[in-house]
């Protein structure tokens, strides 16, 4: 059971992801980089007790950042956009 909680890292709550929730019932998560679509689907269905219709994944590359004389990169991560069945929702995203 703890394996599913290791796959999902955090929800991504931005202006664009909020519009996806309202218009298309799609939720966005930051997930483990080694997780595949089947594992992500099982984790979300088990943790939130919902039906997942589709999973789209995106590998977000590291972004170059500079603070004064210091330079570096932001961490790379994997993002999953999950479409739920009609009439279902995840309460973690509601404010």
Protein backbone atom coordinates (compact mmCIF):
# COMPACT_ATOMS: atom_id res chain seq x y z
CA UNK A 1 0.00 0.00 0.00
CA UNK A 2 2.83 2.44 0.69
CA UNK A 3 4.05 1.85 -2.87
CA UNK A 4 1.14 3.88 -4.23
CA UNK A 5 1.95 6.77 -1.93
CA UNK A 6 5.55 6.72 -3.21
CA UNK A 7 4.39 7.16 -6.82
CA UNK A 8 2.39 10.36 -6.23
CA UNK A 9 4.65 13.15 -4.99
CA UNK A 10 2.36 16.21 -4.90
CA UNK A 11 -0.61 17.81 -6.63
CA UNK A 12 0.20 20.64 -9.02
CA UNK A 13 -2.17 23.53 -8.36
CA UNK A 14 -1.70 26.39 -10.83
CA UNK A 15 -4.04 28.64 -12.76
CA UNK A 16 -3.84 26.41 -15.83
CA UNK A 17 -4.43 23.18 -13.88
CA UNK A 18 -7.43 24.74 -12.13
CA UNK A 19 -8.96 25.57 -15.52
CA UNK A 20 -8.42 21.96 -16.62
CA UNK A 21 -10.26 20.72 -13.52
CA UNK A 22 -13.25 23.00 -14.11
CA UNK A 23 -13.59 22.50 -17.87
CA UNK A 24 -12.35 18.94 -18.62
CA UNK A 25 -12.23 17.15 -15.22
CA UNK A 26 -8.44 16.66 -15.54
CA UNK A 27 -6.14 16.68 -12.50
CA UNK A 28 -2.37 17.30 -12.50
CA UNK A 29 0.16 15.56 -10.23
CA UNK A 30 3.91 15.52 -9.77
CA UNK A 31 4.86 11.82 -9.87
CA UNK A 32 7.91 9.61 -9.50
CA UNK A 33 10.15 9.76 -12.59
CA UNK A 34 10.25 5.96 -12.91
CA UNK A 35 6.46 5.47 -12.72
CA UNK A 36 4.57 4.48 -15.85
CA UNK A 37 0.96 5.26 -16.83
CA UNK A 38 -0.46 1.97 -15.53
CA UNK A 39 1.14 2.44 -12.09
CA UNK A 40 -0.06 6.05 -11.91
CA UNK A 41 -3.62 4.98 -12.79
CA UNK A 42 -3.66 2.24 -10.12
CA UNK A 43 -2.23 4.62 -7.49
CA UNK A 44 -4.83 7.34 -8.12
CA UNK A 45 -7.72 4.87 -8.23
CA UNK A 46 -6.59 3.26 -4.97
CA UNK A 47 -5.76 6.42 -3.00
CA UNK A 48 -8.69 8.63 -4.06
CA UNK A 49 -11.27 5.90 -4.85
CA UNK A 50 -12.15 7.27 -8.32
CA UNK A 51 -12.28 5.88 -11.88
CA UNK A 52 -9.47 7.06 -14.17
CA UNK A 53 -10.23 7.25 -17.90
CA UNK A 54 -6.81 8.33 -19.21
CA UNK A 55 -3.31 9.30 -18.07
CA UNK A 56 -0.95 11.62 -19.97
CA UNK A 57 2.64 12.06 -18.76
CA UNK A 58 5.19 14.80 -19.40
CA UNK A 59 8.89 14.80 -18.51
CA UNK A 60 9.68 18.35 -17.35
CA UNK A 61 13.33 19.16 -18.04
CA UNK A 62 15.56 21.03 -15.57
CA UNK A 63 15.35 24.81 -15.87
CA UNK A 64 18.40 27.10 -15.62
CA UNK A 65 18.19 29.64 -12.78
CA UNK A 66 20.48 32.42 -11.58
CA UNK A 67 20.46 34.28 -8.25
CA UNK A 68 23.06 37.02 -8.43
CA UNK A 69 26.42 35.36 -9.02
CA UNK A 70 25.10 31.86 -8.24
CA UNK A 71 23.95 29.63 -11.07
CA UNK A 72 22.21 26.29 -11.09
CA UNK A 73 19.28 24.24 -12.30
CA UNK A 74 15.85 23.49 -10.91
CA UNK A 75 15.12 19.81 -10.46
CA UNK A 76 13.61 17.78 -13.30
CA UNK A 77 10.37 15.94 -12.59
CA UNK A 78 7.57 13.98 -14.23
CA UNK A 79 4.06 15.40 -14.48
CA UNK A 80 0.88 13.36 -14.95
CA UNK A 81 -2.44 14.75 -16.21
CA UNK A 82 -5.27 12.39 -15.22
CA UNK A 83 -8.81 12.46 -16.65
CA UNK A 84 -11.52 11.19 -14.31
CA UNK A 85 -14.90 9.71 -15.13
CA UNK A 86 -17.88 12.06 -15.44
CA UNK A 87 -19.23 13.28 -12.10
CA UNK A 88 -16.18 12.26 -10.03
CA UNK A 89 -13.72 14.61 -8.35
CA UNK A 90 -10.73 14.64 -6.03
CA UNK A 91 -11.31 16.65 -2.86
CA UNK A 92 -7.60 17.48 -2.37
CA UNK A 93 -7.83 20.07 -5.16
CA UNK A 94 -10.83 22.00 -3.82
CA UNK A 95 -10.08 25.00 -1.65
